[in-house]
Protein backbone atom coordinates (compact mmCIF):
# COMPACT_ATOMS: atom_id res chain seq x y z
CA UNK A 1 -9.76 34.58 -79.23
CA UNK A 2 -9.99 32.01 -76.44
CA UNK A 3 -12.90 32.35 -74.16
CA UNK A 4 -12.00 34.36 -70.90
CA UNK A 5 -12.10 32.11 -67.79
CA UNK A 6 -13.50 33.16 -64.42
CA UNK A 7 -10.94 33.68 -61.89
CA UNK A 8 -10.34 30.76 -59.44
CA UNK A 9 -10.54 31.31 -55.87
CA UNK A 10 -7.25 30.13 -54.33
CA UNK A 11 -7.49 26.90 -52.39
CA UNK A 12 -6.57 27.00 -48.53
CA UNK A 13 -3.26 25.29 -48.15
CA UNK A 14 -3.27 21.99 -46.08
CA UNK A 15 -0.42 19.75 -45.09
CA UNK A 16 -2.73 16.66 -45.74
CA UNK A 17 -6.09 15.09 -44.63
CA UNK A 18 -7.61 16.17 -41.31
CA UNK A 19 -6.63 13.20 -38.81
CA UNK A 20 -9.21 11.47 -37.05
CA UNK A 21 -9.48 12.24 -33.27
CA UNK A 22 -7.31 10.09 -31.38
CA UNK A 23 -9.28 7.33 -29.45
CA UNK A 24 -9.34 7.28 -25.55
CA UNK A 25 -6.52 5.60 -24.13
CA UNK A 26 -6.46 2.75 -21.62
CA UNK A 27 -4.02 0.25 -20.69
CA UNK A 28 -3.98 -3.21 -21.93
CA UNK A 29 -1.13 -4.50 -19.79
CA UNK A 30 0.70 -3.05 -16.69
CA UNK A 31 4.14 -3.77 -15.52
CA UNK A 32 3.75 -3.66 -11.79
CA UNK A 33 7.32 -3.40 -10.01
CA UNK A 34 7.32 -4.80 -6.50
CA UNK A 35 11.16 -5.35 -5.98
CA UNK A 36 11.55 -6.10 -2.31
CA UNK A 37 8.60 -8.11 -1.33
CA UNK A 38 6.10 -10.38 -3.28
CA UNK A 39 2.56 -10.02 -3.47
CA UNK A 40 2.29 -13.75 -2.65
CA UNK A 41 4.03 -13.30 0.71
CA UNK A 42 1.93 -13.34 3.90
CA UNK A 43 1.57 -9.88 5.30
CA UNK A 44 2.67 -9.30 8.86
CA UNK A 45 6.16 -10.67 8.71
CA UNK A 46 9.44 -9.84 7.05
CA UNK A 47 8.98 -7.06 4.69
CA UNK A 48 5.47 -7.87 3.72
CA UNK A 49 2.62 -5.50 4.96
CA UNK A 50 -0.02 -3.00 3.59
CA UNK A 51 1.92 -2.78 0.20
CA UNK A 52 1.60 -6.29 -0.36
CA UNK A 53 -2.09 -6.08 0.13
CA UNK A 54 -2.27 -3.20 -2.16
CA UNK A 55 -0.54 -4.77 -4.99
CA UNK A 56 -2.68 -7.99 -4.81
CA UNK A 57 -5.98 -6.01 -4.39
CA UNK A 58 -5.29 -3.77 -7.20
CA UNK A 59 -3.87 -6.20 -9.62
CA UNK A 60 -6.93 -8.51 -9.16
CA UNK A 61 -9.20 -5.48 -10.01
CA UNK A 62 -7.19 -4.27 -13.00
CA UNK A 63 -7.49 -7.93 -14.43
CA UNK A 64 -11.25 -8.03 -13.70
CA UNK A 65 -11.45 -4.92 -15.90
CA UNK A 66 -9.60 -6.74 -18.77
CA UNK A 67 -6.15 -5.26 -17.99
CA UNK A 68 -3.33 -7.67 -17.63
CA UNK A 69 -0.87 -7.10 -14.83
CA UNK A 70 2.69 -8.61 -14.72
CA UNK A 71 4.22 -8.13 -11.31
CA UNK A 72 7.86 -8.30 -11.01
CA UNK A 73 9.32 -9.17 -7.73
CA UNK A 74 12.89 -10.49 -6.44
CA UNK A 75 13.01 -14.30 -5.93
CA UNK A 76 14.13 -15.29 -2.48
CA UNK A 77 13.89 -19.04 -2.89
CA UNK A 78 15.29 -21.40 -5.27
CA UNK A 79 11.71 -23.24 -4.67
CA UNK A 80 9.83 -20.30 -6.24
CA UNK A 81 8.66 -21.00 -9.89
CA UNK A 82 9.75 -18.27 -12.10
CA UNK A 83 6.14 -17.60 -13.14
CA UNK A 84 3.07 -17.78 -11.09
CA UNK A 85 -0.58 -17.15 -12.21
CA UNK A 86 -1.91 -15.34 -9.01
CA UNK A 87 -5.29 -15.02 -10.52
CA UNK A 88 -6.46 -14.95 -14.31
CA UNK A 89 -4.98 -12.03 -15.84
CA UNK A 90 -2.23 -11.38 -13.14
CA UNK A 91 1.17 -13.04 -13.46
CA UNK A 92 3.78 -12.87 -10.77
CA UNK A 93 7.31 -13.07 -12.12
CA UNK A 94 10.04 -14.00 -9.68
CA UNK A 95 13.20 -12.30 -11.00
CA UNK A 96 16.71 -13.88 -9.92
CA UNK A 97 18.60 -10.82 -8.70
CA UNK A 98 21.51 -11.89 -6.21
CA UNK A 99 21.54 -14.57 -3.81
CA UNK A 100 18.17 -16.33 -3.16
CA UNK A 101 18.09 -15.81 0.60
CA UNK A 102 16.56 -12.72 1.94
CA UNK A 103 18.50 -9.62 1.76
CA UNK A 104 18.14 -6.49 4.05
CA UNK A 105 16.82 -3.55 2.03
CA UNK A 106 20.16 -2.04 2.63
CA UNK A 107 21.45 -4.66 0.48
CA UNK A 108 19.07 -4.53 -2.43
CA UNK A 109 20.56 -1.66 -4.13
CA UNK A 110 23.40 -3.48 -5.31
CA UNK A 111 21.03 -5.86 -7.07
CA UNK A 112 19.07 -3.23 -8.98
CA UNK A 113 20.91 -3.83 -12.22
CA UNK A 114 20.34 -7.59 -12.40
CA UNK A 115 16.68 -7.01 -11.60
CA UNK A 116 16.34 -4.32 -14.20
CA UNK A 117 18.19 -6.46 -16.85
CA UNK A 118 15.68 -9.16 -16.18
CA UNK A 119 12.65 -6.96 -16.43
CA UNK A 120 14.07 -5.43 -19.86
CA UNK A 121 14.73 -8.86 -21.33
CA UNK A 122 11.14 -10.10 -20.32
CA UNK A 123 9.57 -7.08 -22.52
CA UNK A 124 12.11 -7.52 -25.35
CA UNK A 125 10.64 -10.97 -25.94
CA UNK A 126 7.42 -9.28 -27.06
CA UNK A 127 6.52 -6.88 -29.80
CA UNK A 128 7.05 -3.23 -29.02
CA UNK A 129 4.30 -1.72 -26.92
CA UNK A 130 3.66 -4.74 -24.95
CA UNK A 131 3.50 -2.68 -21.54
CA UNK A 132 1.27 0.40 -21.66
CA UNK A 133 2.34 1.72 -18.13
CA UNK A 134 4.87 0.95 -15.35
CA UNK A 135 3.71 1.26 -11.89
CA UNK A 136 6.43 0.97 -9.19
CA UNK A 137 5.89 0.55 -5.47
CA UNK A 138 8.57 1.71 -3.05
CA UNK A 139 11.65 3.67 -4.01
CA UNK A 140 13.81 0.74 -5.26
CA UNK A 141 11.00 -0.32 -7.70
CA UNK A 142 11.01 3.37 -8.91
CA UNK A 143 14.76 3.17 -9.66
CA UNK A 144 14.08 0.17 -11.99
CA UNK A 145 10.69 1.81 -13.35
CA UNK A 146 12.79 4.91 -14.00
CA UNK A 147 14.77 3.10 -16.59
CA UNK A 148 11.96 0.80 -18.11
CA UNK A 149 9.97 4.11 -18.83
CA UNK A 150 12.71 5.61 -20.74
CA UNK A 151 13.57 2.29 -22.64
CA UNK A 152 9.87 1.50 -23.48
CA UNK A 153 8.53 5.06 -23.97
CA UNK A 154 5.58 4.50 -21.39
CA UNK A 155 4.63 6.47 -18.31
CA UNK A 156 5.88 5.61 -14.87
CA UNK A 157 3.33 5.93 -12.19
CA UNK A 158 4.95 5.69 -8.66
CA UNK A 159 3.56 4.70 -5.14
CA UNK A 160 6.12 5.41 -2.50
CA UNK A 161 4.11 3.86 0.38
CA UNK A 162 6.89 5.29 2.89
CA UNK A 163 9.21 8.21 2.46
CA UNK A 164 12.67 8.29 4.10
CA UNK A 165 12.49 12.04 5.03
CA UNK A 166 9.24 11.44 6.77
CA UNK A 167 10.53 8.14 8.62
CA UNK A 168 13.78 9.90 9.83
CA UNK A 169 11.60 12.96 11.11
CA UNK A 170 9.67 10.50 13.47
CA UNK A 171 12.17 7.83 14.19
CA UNK A 172 11.37 5.16 16.66
CA UNK A 173 13.94 4.21 19.35
CA UNK A 174 16.07 1.65 18.41
CA UNK A 175 15.34 2.26 14.69
CA UNK A 176 18.44 3.44 12.67
CA UNK A 177 17.72 6.47 10.16
CA UNK A 178 17.24 5.86 6.69
CA UNK A 179 20.23 6.24 4.65
CA UNK A 180 21.35 9.07 2.36
CA UNK A 181 21.45 6.81 -0.77
CA UNK A 182 17.60 6.09 -0.05
CA UNK A 183 16.85 9.85 0.09
CA UNK A 184 18.68 10.47 -3.09
CA UNK A 185 17.02 7.68 -4.80
CA UNK A 186 13.38 8.81 -3.79
CA UNK A 187 14.32 12.51 -4.85
CA UNK A 188 15.32 11.04 -8.28
CA UNK A 189 12.16 8.84 -8.74
CA UNK A 190 9.89 11.78 -7.68
CA UNK A 191 11.67 13.98 -10.29
CA UNK A 192 11.23 11.36 -13.11
CA UNK A 193 7.82 9.89 -12.42
CA UNK A 194 4.95 11.02 -14.71
CA UNK A 195 2.41 10.34 -11.98
CA UNK A 196 3.09 10.23 -8.13
CA UNK A 197 0.22 8.48 -6.19
CA UNK A 198 -0.17 9.43 -2.65
CA UNK A 199 -2.33 7.57 0.09
CA UNK A 200 -3.57 10.77 1.59
CA UNK A 201 -3.43 14.67 1.27
CA UNK A 202 -0.95 14.67 3.95
CA UNK A 203 1.46 12.22 1.87
CA UNK A 204 0.74 14.51 -1.11
CA UNK A 205 1.95 17.44 1.04
CA UNK A 206 4.99 15.62 2.18
CA UNK A 207 6.04 14.82 -1.35
CA UNK A 208 5.56 18.42 -2.51
CA UNK A 209 7.13 19.94 0.77
CA UNK A 210 10.02 17.44 1.17
CA UNK A 211 10.87 16.33 -2.10
CA UNK A 212 9.69 19.32 -4.34
CA UNK A 213 7.24 17.12 -6.24
CA UNK A 214 5.12 18.81 -9.03
CA UNK A 215 1.70 19.09 -7.44
CA UNK A 216 -0.10 18.99 -10.75
CA UNK A 217 1.03 15.23 -11.32
CA UNK A 218 0.84 14.31 -7.58
CA UNK A 219 -2.58 12.45 -7.01
CA UNK A 220 -4.54 11.57 -3.80
CA UNK A 221 -5.84 8.07 -4.33
CA UNK A 222 -6.59 6.30 -0.91
CA UNK A 223 -6.38 2.64 -0.61
CA UNK A 224 -9.19 0.50 0.00
CA UNK A 225 -10.38 -2.36 1.96
CA UNK A 226 -11.91 -5.68 0.94
CA UNK A 227 -15.45 -5.20 2.28
CA UNK A 228 -16.37 -8.71 1.27
CA UNK A 229 -13.72 -10.33 3.56
CA UNK A 230 -13.57 -7.64 6.15
CA UNK A 231 -17.24 -7.06 7.32
CA UNK A 232 -19.19 -7.29 10.62
CA UNK A 233 -20.14 -10.88 12.10
CA UNK A 234 -21.25 -12.70 14.96
CA UNK A 235 -18.97 -11.60 17.64
CA UNK A 236 -19.42 -14.41 20.02
CA UNK A 237 -18.63 -17.17 17.24
CA UNK A 238 -15.48 -15.18 16.38
CA UNK A 239 -14.52 -15.31 19.94
CA UNK A 240 -15.01 -19.07 19.89
CA UNK A 241 -12.98 -19.46 16.77
CA UNK A 242 -10.24 -17.30 18.11
CA UNK A 243 -10.25 -18.80 21.79
CA UNK A 244 -11.18 -15.83 23.53
CA UNK A 245 -13.74 -15.92 26.37
CA UNK A 246 -17.21 -14.40 25.76
CA UNK A 247 -16.90 -11.86 28.44
CA UNK A 248 -13.41 -10.94 27.89
CA UNK A 249 -11.87 -7.34 27.29
CA UNK A 250 -9.87 -7.94 24.16
CA UNK A 251 -7.23 -5.49 22.95
CA UNK A 252 -5.65 -6.27 19.36
CA UNK A 253 -2.54 -5.35 17.68
CA UNK A 254 -1.98 -6.35 14.18
CA UNK A 255 1.19 -5.82 12.36
CA UNK A 256 4.90 -6.43 11.95
CA UNK A 257 6.82 -6.66 15.34
CA UNK A 258 9.39 -3.80 14.75
CA UNK A 259 9.95 -0.28 16.35
CA UNK A 260 8.35 1.56 13.86
CA UNK A 261 4.99 -0.25 14.65
CA UNK A 262 5.35 0.40 18.36
CA UNK A 263 3.56 -2.65 19.63
CA UNK A 264 5.24 -2.22 22.93
CA UNK A 265 2.78 0.89 23.51
CA UNK A 266 -0.24 -1.76 23.74
CA UNK A 267 1.69 -3.62 26.53
CA UNK A 268 2.53 -0.34 28.45
CA UNK A 269 -1.05 0.75 28.27
CA UNK A 270 -2.35 -2.55 29.30
CA UNK A 271 -0.18 -2.37 32.28
CA UNK A 272 -1.45 0.91 33.14
CA UNK A 273 -5.12 -0.16 32.85
CA UNK A 274 -4.25 -3.24 35.22
CA UNK A 275 -2.73 -0.84 37.69
CA UNK A 276 -5.56 1.38 37.91
CA UNK A 277 -8.10 -1.42 37.79
CA UNK A 278 -6.48 -4.85 39.28
CA UNK A 279 -9.90 -6.77 38.93
CA UNK A 280 -9.48 -6.33 35.12
CA UNK A 281 -6.82 -9.06 35.04
CA UNK A 282 -9.39 -11.74 35.24
CA UNK A 283 -10.93 -10.61 32.01
CA UNK A 284 -8.19 -8.73 30.03
CA UNK A 285 -6.75 -10.45 26.99
CA UNK A 286 -4.22 -8.87 24.67
CA UNK A 287 -3.76 -10.26 21.31
CA UNK A 288 -0.55 -9.60 19.55
CA UNK A 289 -0.85 -10.83 15.70
CA UNK A 290 2.52 -10.45 13.86
CA UNK A 291 6.10 -11.61 13.28
CA UNK A 292 9.38 -9.83 13.84
CA UNK A 293 10.35 -7.65 11.02
CA UNK A 294 13.21 -5.02 9.94
CA UNK A 295 15.27 -3.87 12.98
CA UNK A 296 12.84 -6.22 15.11
CA UNK A 297 14.57 -9.18 13.74
CA UNK A 298 17.76 -8.26 15.95
CA UNK A 299 15.73 -8.93 19.11
CA UNK A 300 12.99 -11.20 18.23
CA UNK A 301 11.95 -11.88 21.75
CA UNK A 302 12.08 -8.37 23.07
CA UNK A 303 8.19 -7.91 23.14
CA UNK A 304 7.77 -10.99 25.09
CA UNK A 305 10.41 -9.94 27.57
CA UNK A 306 8.82 -6.66 27.84
CA UNK A 307 5.73 -8.42 28.75
CA UNK A 308 7.18 -10.31 31.61
CA UNK A 309 9.05 -7.17 32.81
CA UNK A 310 5.69 -5.42 32.88
CA UNK A 311 3.93 -8.08 34.59
CA UNK A 312 1.31 -8.58 31.90
CA UNK A 313 2.71 -11.81 30.53
CA UNK A 314 -0.27 -13.75 31.68
CA UNK A 315 -2.80 -11.53 29.67
CA UNK A 316 -0.69 -11.34 26.38
CA UNK A 317 -0.98 -13.88 23.61
CA UNK A 318 1.45 -13.84 20.83
CA UNK A 319 0.23 -15.10 17.50
CA UNK A 320 1.66 -15.51 14.04
CA UNK A 321 0.30 -13.49 10.95
CA UNK A 322 -3.09 -14.62 9.95
CA UNK A 323 -4.74 -15.25 6.56
CA UNK A 324 -7.58 -12.82 5.79
CA UNK A 325 -10.33 -14.78 6.72
CA UNK A 326 -8.84 -15.78 10.23
CA UNK A 327 -7.67 -12.02 10.43
CA UNK A 328 -11.31 -10.83 10.11
CA UNK A 329 -12.10 -13.14 13.01
CA UNK A 330 -9.57 -11.55 15.27
CA UNK A 331 -10.99 -8.18 14.39
CA UNK A 332 -14.44 -9.22 15.23
CA UNK A 333 -13.26 -10.80 18.43
CA UNK A 334 -11.59 -7.57 19.67
CA UNK A 335 -13.11 -4.71 21.64
CA UNK A 336 -10.54 -2.26 20.33
CA UNK A 337 -7.88 -2.49 17.81
CA UNK A 338 -4.65 -0.25 18.80
CA UNK A 339 -2.38 1.00 15.93
CA UNK A 340 0.18 3.11 17.87
CA UNK A 341 2.80 3.18 14.90
CA UNK A 342 5.27 6.12 14.91
CA UNK A 343 4.43 6.85 11.35
CA UNK A 344 1.89 5.19 8.82
CA UNK A 345 1.42 6.40 5.23
CA UNK A 346 -1.95 5.08 5.64
CA UNK A 347 -2.70 2.24 8.10
CA UNK A 348 -4.69 -0.59 6.37
CA UNK A 349 -5.04 -2.36 9.76
CA UNK A 350 -7.15 0.42 11.05
CA UNK A 351 -9.33 0.38 7.97
CA UNK A 352 -9.89 -3.42 8.14
CA UNK A 353 -10.72 -3.52 11.84
CA UNK A 354 -13.25 -0.79 11.44
CA UNK A 355 -14.76 -2.57 8.38
CA UNK A 356 -15.24 -5.44 10.73
CA UNK A 357 -16.94 -3.14 13.10
CA UNK A 358 -14.21 -2.72 15.58
CA UNK A 359 -13.24 0.76 16.76
CA UNK A 360 -9.64 1.92 16.76
CA UNK A 361 -7.19 3.70 18.82
CA UNK A 362 -4.51 5.11 16.90
CA UNK A 363 -1.33 7.26 16.67
CA UNK A 364 -2.35 10.79 15.13
CA UNK A 365 0.39 10.38 12.56
CA UNK A 366 0.71 9.99 8.93
CA UNK A 367 -2.33 8.80 7.24
CA UNK A 368 -4.15 7.52 10.33
CA UNK A 369 -6.10 10.56 10.70
CA UNK A 370 -7.58 9.72 7.33
CA UNK A 371 -8.05 6.01 8.01
CA UNK A 372 -9.88 6.72 11.50
CA UNK A 373 -12.41 9.20 11.86
CA UNK A 374 -11.53 10.68 15.36
CA UNK A 375 -14.55 10.55 17.68
CA UNK A 376 -16.62 8.76 15.19
CA UNK A 377 -14.88 5.52 14.38
CA UNK A 378 -12.25 5.30 16.97
CA UNK A 379 -9.96 7.87 18.90
CA UNK A 380 -6.53 9.33 17.65
CA UNK A 381 -3.84 9.99 20.43
CA UNK A 382 -1.15 12.58 19.92
CA UNK A 383 2.18 11.95 21.68
CA UNK A 384 3.78 8.92 23.08
CA UNK A 385 2.59 8.61 26.61
CA UNK A 386 1.00 5.04 27.45
CA UNK A 387 -1.27 6.69 29.91
CA UNK A 388 -2.88 8.53 27.12
CA UNK A 389 -3.22 5.36 25.22
CA UNK A 390 -4.62 3.78 28.32
CA UNK A 391 -7.29 6.49 28.79
CA UNK A 392 -8.14 6.40 25.03
CA UNK A 393 -8.81 2.61 25.30
CA UNK A 394 -10.90 2.90 28.27
CA UNK A 395 -13.04 5.87 26.64
CA UNK A 396 -13.58 3.51 23.50
CA UNK A 397 -14.56 0.66 25.76
CA UNK A 398 -17.17 2.83 27.42
CA UNK A 399 -18.71 3.96 23.99
CA UNK A 400 -17.75 0.79 22.04
CA UNK A 401 -21.44 0.29 20.45
CA UNK A 402 -21.68 3.77 19.11
CA UNK A 403 -18.13 3.85 17.71
CA UNK A 404 -18.46 0.39 16.36
CA UNK A 405 -21.53 1.83 14.29
CA UNK A 406 -19.41 4.74 13.21
CA UNK A 407 -16.34 2.40 12.49
CA UNK A 408 -18.51 0.49 9.85
CA UNK A 409 -19.81 3.50 8.23
CA UNK A 410 -16.30 5.14 7.89
CA UNK A 411 -14.82 1.96 6.52
CA UNK A 412 -17.75 1.66 3.74
CA UNK A 413 -16.40 4.83 2.19
CA UNK A 414 -13.30 3.06 1.20
CA UNK A 415 -13.18 0.29 -1.40
CA UNK A 416 -10.39 -1.32 -3.72
CA UNK A 417 -12.94 -0.91 -6.58
CA UNK A 418 -12.80 3.00 -6.21
CA UNK A 419 -8.96 2.79 -5.76
CA UNK A 420 -8.53 0.89 -8.93
CA UNK A 421 -11.00 3.11 -10.88
CA UNK A 422 -8.83 6.25 -9.89
CA UNK A 423 -5.57 4.48 -10.87
CA UNK A 424 -6.92 3.51 -14.35
CA UNK A 425 -7.93 6.97 -14.74
CA UNK A 426 -4.29 8.16 -13.74
CA UNK A 427 -2.71 5.63 -16.06
CA UNK A 428 -4.97 6.85 -18.97
CA UNK A 429 -4.04 10.51 -18.14
CA UNK A 430 -0.34 9.65 -18.22
CA UNK A 431 -0.56 7.66 -21.54
CA UNK A 432 -2.55 10.57 -23.29
CA UNK A 433 -0.06 12.98 -21.79
CA UNK A 434 2.76 11.02 -23.31
CA UNK A 435 1.11 10.35 -26.68
CA UNK A 436 0.49 14.22 -26.98
CA UNK A 437 4.11 14.66 -26.63
CA UNK A 438 5.35 11.93 -28.91
CA UNK A 439 7.04 12.85 -32.22
CA UNK A 440 4.45 12.72 -35.27
CA UNK A 441 4.62 9.09 -36.67
CA UNK A 442 5.18 7.32 -33.45
CA UNK A 443 1.92 7.91 -31.91
CA UNK A 444 0.00 5.19 -33.81
CA UNK A 445 2.48 2.42 -33.25
CA UNK A 446 3.32 3.01 -29.43
CA UNK A 447 -0.23 3.80 -28.30
CA UNK A 448 -3.20 1.86 -29.55
CA UNK A 449 -6.65 1.94 -28.40
CA UNK A 450 -7.69 -0.99 -26.12
CA UNK A 451 -10.27 -3.44 -27.39
CA UNK A 452 -13.14 -4.79 -25.13
CA UNK A 453 -12.69 -2.38 -22.24
CA UNK A 454 -15.33 -0.60 -20.68
CA UNK A 455 -15.68 3.12 -21.84
CA UNK A 456 -14.75 5.66 -19.17
């Protein structure tokens, strides 16, 4: 009789070995889309402005963290090389899409198919998973990023920079409203993006209220300022370099010459100041740094003609856009920087001026209440009355030293390093979310842990 076996306990059922926990994700390479303006262009003219600065500064800092960046932008000249290394780790790719001459933004949607095809062809030359994230800037880039996201299976992070519905609600005189095609395009991108990056809490609210954005994937990540370039310096020496008298009262405008930026407000305010204090004419200098852009191209001499009609042409000097080092000297030379825009998603000019120790008088619109600490680093003006701007400028001049100290403190709270850290976190979270949703078996091939990047 066989020996009796002791009963066996049933073995718990398993589908297979317990998987190792997935490693934290960080991107190795980011596809940055900037369709309508190249980061290599000089800000202050054409379509180049704060967005160009944003792309340049963030890309450089991503590369410094070991994250490669390919910036795709439309070629506007046959002289542009197809590929330019902006800095080690950052490659600018000039994409042929339509004629080389500059096209208006209203003409660019017709070129999106050609642009998108070029972006997809570049990725197709590499092994799958070449890009880990797509970051699009402005709605046209978002349309391209939407398709790239679906083709590559990577998250789309989108920065709007400006919003059509917001611009149309605060339209400058002489500006045409943004077309319905743009509004629809923005709505589509907002619905598709895995993360939306807003410059301020106000912009995040606008995305949610005007575009029905998902608040859970709408992040507030303020831009920064290059605190090494834009910093306080010797004011007298800066005035010598800029060609301004040591005892002058200097008012400064920096930006593209177009109705949205409202540079004419500074000329009207200067005229009011001279009417109230005629003796000021011997010392007043108004510097306007920038070039015609957008609808301002239709009347490129309009601001000069306005200066003549207001009787202030003798105290106004028009200067072309300046490289960062020279621009910093203009900020240091100024007593007040004036930012009278009808709308700004943030207002980098205001932040750069304050970083140089120059107080700001700005419109209380858009992101400017974040960029300027009202009563501490400058003054905000509600409404569009030139007399209110003149009065605000006079108040700042009377308290300049105190406000200059506040301006330096306020600007020091912003840095591109902090901006980049937050963006990397956003990329990582979006990648992890997509990895978690990926079908089993695709995770390992599409998402791989980076090597040599700092732990977060």
